[in-house]
Amino acid sequence: MNKLELVEHVAAETETSKAAAAAAVDAVLEGITNALKSGDEVRLVGFGTFSVKERAAGKGRNPATGDEIDIPASKSARFKPGAALKTELNKTK
């Protein structure tokens, strides 16, 4: 499912226009992004938790030349599914 399909799903489920659904989806994504940028976790009970993981700087190798390169420290978003989501995913039909 891509963002357009998600917007269409939200519009159908809430019986609103696609424009209103797109605005709602964008607002949710912006809220999650802003919370993560400020270092907060986003916990959606039953769905999961979004958090930020920091990676330390390190050394690597350029596969083409074999030269050693510096890899800078970085942050990345992580998602840990909640119990209800795990249960739903593992249901047998």
N, C-alpha and C. Protein backbone atom coordinates (compact mmCIF):
# COMPACT_ATOMS: atom_id res chain seq x y z
N MET A 1 0.86 -1.18 0.00
CA MET A 1 0.00 0.00 0.00
C MET A 1 0.90 1.23 0.00
N ASN A 2 0.64 2.14 -0.90
CA ASN A 2 1.38 3.40 -0.91
C ASN A 2 0.51 4.50 -0.29
N LYS A 3 1.04 5.72 -0.26
CA LYS A 3 0.34 6.81 0.40
C LYS A 3 -1.01 7.11 -0.26
N LEU A 4 -1.06 7.09 -1.58
CA LEU A 4 -2.32 7.35 -2.28
C LEU A 4 -3.38 6.31 -1.93
N GLU A 5 -2.97 5.06 -1.88
CA GLU A 5 -3.90 3.99 -1.51
C GLU A 5 -4.36 4.14 -0.06
N LEU A 6 -3.45 4.58 0.81
CA LEU A 6 -3.82 4.82 2.21
C LEU A 6 -4.84 5.95 2.30
N VAL A 7 -4.63 7.01 1.55
CA VAL A 7 -5.57 8.13 1.54
C VAL A 7 -6.94 7.66 1.05
N GLU A 8 -6.96 6.87 -0.01
CA GLU A 8 -8.22 6.35 -0.53
C GLU A 8 -8.93 5.47 0.51
N HIS A 9 -8.17 4.66 1.23
CA HIS A 9 -8.73 3.81 2.28
C HIS A 9 -9.33 4.65 3.41
N VAL A 10 -8.59 5.66 3.85
CA VAL A 10 -9.08 6.54 4.92
C VAL A 10 -10.34 7.26 4.47
N ALA A 11 -10.36 7.75 3.23
CA ALA A 11 -11.53 8.45 2.71
C ALA A 11 -12.74 7.53 2.68
N ALA A 12 -12.55 6.29 2.27
CA ALA A 12 -13.66 5.34 2.20
C ALA A 12 -14.15 4.95 3.60
N GLU A 13 -13.24 4.71 4.52
CA GLU A 13 -13.62 4.29 5.87
C GLU A 13 -14.30 5.40 6.66
N THR A 14 -13.89 6.64 6.42
CA THR A 14 -14.45 7.76 7.19
C THR A 14 -15.54 8.50 6.42
N GLU A 15 -15.80 8.06 5.20
CA GLU A 15 -16.80 8.68 4.35
C GLU A 15 -16.58 10.19 4.21
N THR A 16 -15.31 10.53 3.94
CA THR A 16 -14.94 11.93 3.69
C THR A 16 -14.31 12.02 2.31
N SER A 17 -14.01 13.24 1.91
CA SER A 17 -13.38 13.43 0.61
C SER A 17 -11.92 12.99 0.67
N LYS A 18 -11.37 12.74 -0.52
CA LYS A 18 -9.96 12.36 -0.59
C LYS A 18 -9.07 13.50 -0.11
N ALA A 19 -9.49 14.74 -0.35
CA ALA A 19 -8.70 15.90 0.09
C ALA A 19 -8.64 15.96 1.61
N ALA A 20 -9.78 15.72 2.26
CA ALA A 20 -9.80 15.72 3.73
C ALA A 20 -8.99 14.56 4.28
N ALA A 21 -9.10 13.40 3.65
CA ALA A 21 -8.34 12.24 4.09
C ALA A 21 -6.84 12.47 3.90
N ALA A 22 -6.46 13.08 2.78
CA ALA A 22 -5.05 13.38 2.53
C ALA A 22 -4.52 14.35 3.58
N ALA A 23 -5.32 15.35 3.94
CA ALA A 23 -4.90 16.30 4.97
C ALA A 23 -4.72 15.59 6.32
N ALA A 24 -5.62 14.65 6.63
CA ALA A 24 -5.53 13.91 7.90
C ALA A 24 -4.29 13.03 7.91
N VAL A 25 -4.04 12.31 6.83
CA VAL A 25 -2.85 11.45 6.75
C VAL A 25 -1.59 12.29 6.85
N ASP A 26 -1.54 13.40 6.14
CA ASP A 26 -0.37 14.29 6.20
C ASP A 26 -0.16 14.83 7.61
N ALA A 27 -1.24 15.18 8.31
CA ALA A 27 -1.13 15.70 9.67
C ALA A 27 -0.58 14.64 10.62
N VAL A 28 -1.03 13.40 10.47
CA VAL A 28 -0.53 12.32 11.32
C VAL A 28 0.96 12.09 11.06
N LEU A 29 1.34 12.01 9.80
CA LEU A 29 2.74 11.78 9.46
C LEU A 29 3.63 12.94 9.93
N GLU A 30 3.14 14.16 9.79
CA GLU A 30 3.89 15.33 10.25
C GLU A 30 4.05 15.31 11.77
N GLY A 31 2.99 14.92 12.48
CA GLY A 31 3.06 14.83 13.94
C GLY A 31 4.07 13.79 14.39
N ILE A 32 4.08 12.64 13.74
CA ILE A 32 5.05 11.59 14.08
C ILE A 32 6.47 12.08 13.79
N THR A 33 6.66 12.69 12.63
CA THR A 33 7.98 13.20 12.25
C THR A 33 8.48 14.24 13.23
N ASN A 34 7.64 15.19 13.59
CA ASN A 34 8.04 16.26 14.52
C ASN A 34 8.38 15.70 15.90
N ALA A 35 7.61 14.73 16.37
CA ALA A 35 7.89 14.12 17.67
C ALA A 35 9.24 13.40 17.64
N LEU A 36 9.50 12.65 16.59
CA LEU A 36 10.77 11.94 16.48
C LEU A 36 11.94 12.91 16.37
N LYS A 37 11.77 14.00 15.60
CA LYS A 37 12.83 15.00 15.47
C LYS A 37 13.17 15.63 16.81
N SER A 38 12.19 15.78 17.69
CA SER A 38 12.45 16.38 18.99
C SER A 38 12.92 15.34 20.01
N GLY A 39 13.08 14.10 19.59
CA GLY A 39 13.61 13.07 20.47
C GLY A 39 12.56 12.29 21.24
N ASP A 40 11.29 12.54 20.99
CA ASP A 40 10.22 11.82 21.68
C ASP A 40 9.89 10.51 20.99
N GLU A 41 9.28 9.60 21.74
CA GLU A 41 8.72 8.38 21.17
C GLU A 41 7.27 8.65 20.83
N VAL A 42 6.74 7.92 19.86
CA VAL A 42 5.32 7.99 19.52
C VAL A 42 4.75 6.60 19.77
N ARG A 43 3.88 6.49 20.79
CA ARG A 43 3.28 5.21 21.14
C ARG A 43 1.82 5.20 20.73
N LEU A 44 1.48 4.29 19.86
CA LEU A 44 0.10 4.10 19.44
C LEU A 44 -0.34 2.76 20.02
N VAL A 45 -1.06 2.80 21.12
CA VAL A 45 -1.41 1.60 21.86
C VAL A 45 -2.10 0.60 20.94
N GLY A 46 -1.62 -0.61 20.95
CA GLY A 46 -2.17 -1.67 20.12
C GLY A 46 -1.54 -1.74 18.75
N PHE A 47 -0.95 -0.65 18.29
CA PHE A 47 -0.33 -0.64 16.96
C PHE A 47 1.19 -0.78 17.07
N GLY A 48 1.82 0.12 17.82
CA GLY A 48 3.26 0.04 17.98
C GLY A 48 3.88 1.34 18.43
N THR A 49 5.22 1.33 18.49
CA THR A 49 5.97 2.48 18.98
C THR A 49 7.02 2.89 17.95
N PHE A 50 7.03 4.17 17.63
CA PHE A 50 8.06 4.75 16.78
C PHE A 50 9.09 5.39 17.71
N SER A 51 10.38 5.18 17.43
CA SER A 51 11.42 5.79 18.23
C SER A 51 12.62 6.13 17.33
N VAL A 52 13.58 6.83 17.91
CA VAL A 52 14.79 7.21 17.19
C VAL A 52 15.95 6.42 17.75
N LYS A 53 16.75 5.86 16.86
CA LYS A 53 17.94 5.11 17.24
C LYS A 53 19.15 5.86 16.71
N GLU A 54 20.13 6.06 17.57
CA GLU A 54 21.35 6.75 17.15
C GLU A 54 22.41 5.72 16.78
N ARG A 55 23.06 5.96 15.67
CA ARG A 55 24.16 5.10 15.23
C ARG A 55 25.46 5.84 15.44
N ALA A 56 26.44 5.16 15.98
CA ALA A 56 27.75 5.77 16.21
C ALA A 56 28.50 5.89 14.88
N ALA A 57 29.46 6.82 14.85
CA ALA A 57 30.32 6.95 13.69
C ALA A 57 31.20 5.70 13.59
N GLY A 58 31.64 5.39 12.40
CA GLY A 58 32.48 4.21 12.23
C GLY A 58 33.32 4.30 10.98
N LYS A 59 34.02 3.23 10.70
CA LYS A 59 34.87 3.14 9.52
C LYS A 59 34.26 2.11 8.57
N GLY A 60 34.44 2.32 7.29
CA GLY A 60 33.97 1.39 6.28
C GLY A 60 34.96 1.34 5.14
N ARG A 61 34.65 0.55 4.14
CA ARG A 61 35.52 0.45 2.97
C ARG A 61 34.73 0.74 1.70
N ASN A 62 35.34 1.46 0.80
CA ASN A 62 34.77 1.70 -0.52
C ASN A 62 34.95 0.40 -1.30
N PRO A 63 33.84 -0.26 -1.69
CA PRO A 63 33.98 -1.54 -2.36
C PRO A 63 34.68 -1.46 -3.73
N ALA A 64 34.63 -0.30 -4.36
CA ALA A 64 35.26 -0.17 -5.68
C ALA A 64 36.77 -0.04 -5.58
N THR A 65 37.24 0.73 -4.59
CA THR A 65 38.67 1.01 -4.49
C THR A 65 39.35 0.32 -3.32
N GLY A 66 38.57 -0.07 -2.32
CA GLY A 66 39.15 -0.67 -1.13
C GLY A 66 39.63 0.35 -0.12
N ASP A 67 39.49 1.64 -0.45
CA ASP A 67 39.93 2.70 0.47
C ASP A 67 39.03 2.74 1.69
N GLU A 68 39.65 3.06 2.85
CA GLU A 68 38.87 3.21 4.08
C GLU A 68 38.15 4.55 4.05
N ILE A 69 36.90 4.56 4.49
CA ILE A 69 36.12 5.79 4.53
C ILE A 69 35.52 5.96 5.92
N ASP A 70 35.27 7.21 6.29
CA ASP A 70 34.61 7.51 7.56
C ASP A 70 33.11 7.54 7.34
N ILE A 71 32.37 6.83 8.19
CA ILE A 71 30.91 6.85 8.14
C ILE A 71 30.45 7.70 9.32
N PRO A 72 29.76 8.82 9.06
CA PRO A 72 29.37 9.72 10.15
C PRO A 72 28.26 9.13 11.02
N ALA A 73 28.16 9.64 12.23
CA ALA A 73 27.07 9.24 13.13
C ALA A 73 25.75 9.68 12.50
N SER A 74 24.69 8.93 12.76
CA SER A 74 23.40 9.28 12.19
C SER A 74 22.27 8.80 13.10
N LYS A 75 21.09 9.24 12.79
CA LYS A 75 19.89 8.82 13.51
C LYS A 75 18.96 8.14 12.51
N SER A 76 18.22 7.14 12.97
CA SER A 76 17.23 6.52 12.10
C SER A 76 15.98 6.20 12.91
N ALA A 77 14.85 6.16 12.21
CA ALA A 77 13.58 5.85 12.85
C ALA A 77 13.44 4.34 12.99
N ARG A 78 12.88 3.92 14.11
CA ARG A 78 12.62 2.50 14.37
C ARG A 78 11.14 2.33 14.67
N PHE A 79 10.62 1.16 14.38
CA PHE A 79 9.23 0.83 14.69
C PHE A 79 9.20 -0.52 15.38
N LYS A 80 8.54 -0.57 16.53
CA LYS A 80 8.35 -1.83 17.25
C LYS A 80 6.85 -2.09 17.30
N PRO A 81 6.39 -3.17 16.67
CA PRO A 81 4.95 -3.43 16.64
C PRO A 81 4.41 -3.75 18.03
N GLY A 82 3.16 -3.35 18.27
CA GLY A 82 2.49 -3.63 19.53
C GLY A 82 1.90 -5.03 19.54
N ALA A 83 1.45 -5.45 20.70
CA ALA A 83 0.92 -6.81 20.87
C ALA A 83 -0.30 -7.06 20.00
N ALA A 84 -1.21 -6.10 19.90
CA ALA A 84 -2.42 -6.29 19.09
C ALA A 84 -2.07 -6.44 17.61
N LEU A 85 -1.11 -5.67 17.12
CA LEU A 85 -0.69 -5.79 15.73
C LEU A 85 -0.03 -7.14 15.48
N LYS A 86 0.84 -7.56 16.39
CA LYS A 86 1.48 -8.86 16.25
C LYS A 86 0.44 -9.98 16.20
N THR A 87 -0.54 -9.90 17.10
CA THR A 87 -1.59 -10.91 17.14
C THR A 87 -2.36 -10.94 15.83
N GLU A 88 -2.71 -9.77 15.32
CA GLU A 88 -3.47 -9.68 14.07
C GLU A 88 -2.68 -10.25 12.90
N LEU A 89 -1.39 -9.98 12.86
CA LEU A 89 -0.55 -10.47 11.77
C LEU A 89 -0.36 -11.98 11.81
N ASN A 90 -0.44 -12.55 12.99
CA ASN A 90 -0.19 -13.98 13.13
C ASN A 90 -1.43 -14.83 13.23
N LYS A 91 -2.60 -14.24 13.00
CA LYS A 91 -3.84 -15.00 12.99
C LYS A 91 -3.87 -15.93 11.80
N THR A 92 -4.39 -17.12 12.02
CA THR A 92 -4.61 -18.02 10.89
C THR A 92 -6.03 -17.85 10.42
N LYS A 93 -6.22 -17.96 9.13
CA LYS A 93 -7.54 -17.68 8.56
C LYS A 93 -8.45 -18.81 8.70
